Amino acid sequence: MALVPPGRSDEREEVAIMRIETGAGRPFSVHDLDGSPEDGRRYELVDGELMVSALPGWPHQAAVVELASQLHIACTAEYRVLPAPFAVRPDPFTELRPDVLVARHDDLTLRNLPTAPVLAVEVVSASSRIKDSTLKKAVYARLGARFFWLVDPDLEEPSITAWELVGGSGYQRIARAREDEVFEVQQPFPVKLTPADLVAGLRP
């Protein structure tokens, strides 16, 4: 089995479906990911289809580091906070790597999270916005992740939006903040911050 990347490596190609050479017309499995190239891209699976994300930029990484740090400080003993890359592997044909996740300590293995995270956070870029806000959000809801956050590290108007799973099938928005507005939630543990905090290091 071999992974054959697209001809373009342009970051504008944020997500591409890779051509899979398996010798058979079967779905791609999480075990096949062991052969993914060490090229800095993020390889994820949804129902046996491979998604590949390009290297993230500075705003994305700054927001991930700052948010993971603040969540780690606020985290209670029951939970653990992990930034990407750490695999969520709920079944043999699905593997997601949220930018930041919160999981129960007892659910984690040393290699991956074999069930849905309590909280999954995706930090968007211009070309990943649709994927993160629709496809990934829907997959996390289906898996049963109780909370989903979307972070936009835009320098002019950074924002954080939070949803909670309602009825086991769909998300309901519970919080949204822009720029210097206070983003505050109580679950899975109390967190209070502003979107501007997440991009403060990008400014002189």
Protein backbone atom coordinates (compact mmCIF):
# COMPACT_ATOMS: atom_id res chain seq x y z
CA MET A 1 0.00 0.00 0.00
CA ALA A 2 1.23 3.48 -0.82
CA LEU A 3 -0.07 6.99 -0.49
CA VAL A 4 0.34 9.14 -3.56
CA PRO A 5 -0.02 12.86 -2.76
CA PRO A 6 -1.54 15.36 -5.17
CA GLY A 7 0.80 17.04 -7.62
CA ARG A 8 0.36 20.44 -5.91
CA SER A 9 1.68 21.24 -2.46
CA ASP A 10 0.25 24.77 -2.44
CA GLU A 11 -1.27 25.67 0.94
CA ARG A 12 -4.36 26.86 -0.91
CA GLU A 13 -5.03 23.19 -1.43
CA GLU A 14 -5.85 22.92 2.26
CA VAL A 15 -7.72 19.66 1.89
CA ALA A 16 -7.32 17.10 -0.86
CA ILE A 17 -8.49 13.57 -1.30
CA MET A 18 -5.38 11.47 -1.79
CA ARG A 19 -5.19 8.70 -4.35
CA ILE A 20 -4.89 5.42 -2.53
CA GLU A 21 -2.97 2.50 -3.94
CA THR A 22 -4.07 -0.57 -1.98
CA GLY A 23 -4.34 -3.13 -4.74
CA ALA A 24 -8.08 -3.45 -4.07
CA GLY A 25 -11.13 -1.24 -4.15
CA ARG A 26 -11.60 -1.21 -0.39
CA PRO A 27 -12.06 1.67 2.05
CA PHE A 28 -8.97 3.16 3.61
CA SER A 29 -8.50 2.02 7.23
CA VAL A 30 -6.76 3.50 10.25
CA HIS A 31 -4.10 0.79 9.95
CA ASP A 32 -3.17 2.12 6.51
CA LEU A 33 -2.30 5.46 8.11
CA ASP A 34 0.81 3.85 9.59
CA GLY A 35 2.23 4.18 6.06
CA SER A 36 1.42 7.86 5.66
CA PRO A 37 4.45 9.95 4.68
CA GLU A 38 6.20 12.18 7.22
CA ASP A 39 5.65 15.32 5.18
CA GLY A 40 4.13 17.63 7.80
CA ARG A 41 0.58 17.28 6.51
CA ARG A 42 -2.30 16.06 8.64
CA TYR A 43 -3.89 12.81 7.47
CA GLU A 44 -7.42 12.06 8.67
CA LEU A 45 -10.11 9.53 7.77
CA VAL A 46 -13.89 9.86 7.57
CA ASP A 47 -15.73 6.65 6.72
CA GLY A 48 -12.74 5.27 4.84
CA GLU A 49 -12.03 8.42 2.82
CA LEU A 50 -8.75 10.19 3.37
CA MET A 51 -8.51 13.94 3.99
CA VAL A 52 -5.17 15.72 3.88
CA SER A 53 -4.57 19.16 5.38
CA ALA A 54 -1.63 21.37 4.46
CA LEU A 55 0.82 22.82 6.95
CA PRO A 56 -0.92 25.40 9.18
CA GLY A 57 0.20 29.02 9.33
CA TRP A 58 1.32 31.15 12.25
CA PRO A 59 -2.16 32.44 13.29
CA HIS A 60 -3.47 28.88 13.44
CA GLN A 61 -0.58 27.57 15.51
CA ALA A 62 -0.54 30.56 17.85
CA ALA A 63 -4.24 30.08 18.59
CA VAL A 64 -3.77 26.34 19.18
CA VAL A 65 -0.90 26.89 21.63
CA GLU A 66 -2.65 29.63 23.57
CA LEU A 67 -5.99 27.84 23.75
CA ALA A 68 -4.42 24.52 24.79
CA SER A 69 -2.46 26.36 27.49
CA GLN A 70 -5.55 28.09 28.90
CA LEU A 71 -7.59 24.90 28.81
CA HIS A 72 -4.79 23.02 30.54
CA ILE A 73 -4.76 25.55 33.37
CA ALA A 74 -8.55 25.35 33.76
CA CYS A 75 -8.78 21.56 33.36
CA THR A 76 -10.08 19.50 36.28
CA ALA A 77 -8.63 16.16 37.41
CA GLU A 78 -11.14 14.05 35.47
CA TYR A 79 -9.98 15.37 32.10
CA ARG A 80 -6.87 15.80 29.97
CA VAL A 81 -6.17 18.47 27.30
CA LEU A 82 -4.20 17.41 24.22
CA PRO A 83 -3.23 19.49 21.17
CA ALA A 84 -2.82 17.99 17.70
CA PRO A 85 -1.58 15.65 16.51
CA PHE A 86 -3.39 13.08 18.68
CA ALA A 87 -5.68 10.57 17.04
CA VAL A 88 -9.36 10.07 17.76
CA ARG A 89 -9.98 6.50 16.50
CA PRO A 90 -13.56 5.44 17.24
CA ASP A 91 -13.72 2.77 14.52
CA PRO A 92 -11.44 1.12 11.92
CA PHE A 93 -12.37 3.61 9.18
CA THR A 94 -12.39 6.92 11.05
CA GLU A 95 -9.50 8.89 12.49
CA LEU A 96 -9.70 12.59 13.32
CA ARG A 97 -7.04 14.82 14.79
CA PRO A 98 -8.72 17.89 16.28
CA ASP A 99 -6.52 20.92 16.86
CA VAL A 100 -7.26 20.63 20.56
CA LEU A 101 -9.25 17.96 22.38
CA VAL A 102 -10.47 17.37 25.89
CA ALA A 103 -10.98 13.74 26.91
CA ARG A 104 -11.70 11.88 30.10
CA HIS A 105 -8.48 10.50 31.54
CA ASP A 106 -9.97 7.01 31.74
CA ASP A 107 -10.90 7.01 28.04
CA LEU A 108 -7.37 7.65 26.78
CA THR A 109 -4.82 5.08 25.71
CA LEU A 110 -1.15 5.90 25.26
CA ARG A 111 -1.56 5.94 21.46
CA ASN A 112 -5.01 7.35 20.78
CA LEU A 113 -8.53 8.12 21.96
CA PRO A 114 -10.79 5.18 20.97
CA THR A 115 -14.01 7.06 21.67
CA ALA A 116 -15.39 10.52 21.05
CA PRO A 117 -13.69 13.41 22.87
CA VAL A 118 -15.72 15.37 25.38
CA LEU A 119 -14.66 18.54 23.54
CA ALA A 120 -13.23 18.86 20.04
CA VAL A 121 -11.79 22.19 18.89
CA GLU A 122 -10.99 23.09 15.29
CA VAL A 123 -9.05 26.26 14.44
CA VAL A 124 -10.02 27.44 10.97
CA SER A 125 -8.00 28.90 8.14
CA ALA A 126 -9.41 30.57 5.03
CA SER A 127 -9.44 27.33 3.07
CA SER A 128 -10.51 24.95 5.86
CA ARG A 129 -13.52 26.92 7.09
CA ILE A 130 -16.16 24.92 5.21
CA LYS A 131 -14.59 21.56 6.08
CA ASP A 132 -14.26 22.42 9.79
CA SER A 133 -17.66 24.06 10.20
CA THR A 134 -19.69 21.48 8.26
CA LEU A 135 -18.04 18.11 7.62
CA LYS A 136 -15.99 17.80 10.80
CA LYS A 137 -18.71 19.32 12.96
CA ALA A 138 -21.20 16.76 11.62
CA VAL A 139 -18.79 13.87 12.19
CA TYR A 140 -18.10 14.91 15.80
CA ALA A 141 -21.86 15.12 16.41
CA ARG A 142 -22.34 11.64 14.96
CA LEU A 143 -19.54 10.26 17.14
CA GLY A 144 -21.11 11.80 20.24
CA ALA A 145 -18.61 14.52 21.16
CA ARG A 146 -20.60 16.53 23.68
CA PHE A 147 -18.99 19.87 22.85
CA PHE A 148 -17.54 21.35 19.67
CA TRP A 149 -15.73 24.70 19.40
CA LEU A 150 -14.73 26.57 16.27
CA VAL A 151 -11.96 29.14 16.60
CA ASP A 152 -11.25 31.76 13.95
CA PRO A 153 -7.81 33.36 14.54
CA ASP A 154 -8.48 36.27 12.16
CA LEU A 155 -6.41 39.26 13.31
CA GLU A 156 -9.16 41.77 12.57
CA GLU A 157 -12.02 39.84 14.16
CA PRO A 158 -10.98 36.69 16.03
CA SER A 159 -13.88 34.62 17.32
CA ILE A 160 -14.82 31.51 19.28
CA THR A 161 -18.13 29.68 18.88
CA ALA A 162 -19.21 26.77 21.07
CA TRP A 163 -21.91 24.15 20.51
CA GLU A 164 -23.36 21.44 22.74
CA LEU A 165 -24.81 18.15 21.53
CA VAL A 166 -28.57 18.06 22.05
CA GLY A 167 -30.61 14.89 21.83
CA GLY A 168 -27.59 12.91 20.70
CA SER A 169 -27.93 14.01 17.08
CA GLY A 170 -27.24 17.71 16.54
CA TYR A 171 -25.40 20.70 17.99
CA GLN A 172 -26.98 23.75 19.56
CA ARG A 173 -24.93 26.93 19.86
CA ILE A 174 -24.29 27.85 23.49
CA ALA A 175 -21.68 30.64 23.31
CA ARG A 176 -20.05 33.01 20.84
CA ALA A 177 -17.55 35.83 21.35
CA ARG A 178 -15.63 38.17 19.05
CA GLU A 179 -12.47 40.19 19.62
CA ASP A 180 -12.44 41.45 23.25
CA GLU A 181 -15.80 39.97 24.19
CA VAL A 182 -15.66 37.44 27.01
CA PHE A 183 -16.11 33.82 26.02
CA GLU A 184 -17.32 31.92 29.06
CA VAL A 185 -18.56 28.35 29.47
CA GLN A 186 -19.01 26.11 32.49
CA GLN A 187 -18.62 22.71 30.88
CA PRO A 188 -16.77 20.43 30.61
CA PHE A 189 -15.08 22.73 33.17
CA PRO A 190 -15.22 26.50 33.70
CA VAL A 191 -13.31 28.48 31.07
CA LYS A 192 -13.19 32.25 30.63
CA LEU A 193 -11.15 34.01 27.95
CA THR A 194 -11.40 36.37 24.99
CA PRO A 195 -10.74 35.55 21.33
CA ALA A 196 -8.21 38.40 21.29
CA ASP A 197 -6.16 36.44 23.84
CA LEU A 198 -5.59 33.72 21.26
CA VAL A 199 -3.94 36.01 18.71
CA ALA A 200 -2.25 38.48 21.05
CA GLY A 201 1.18 37.07 20.24
CA LEU A 202 0.76 37.90 16.55
CA ARG A 203 0.64 41.62 17.22
CA PRO A 204 3.76 43.76 17.76
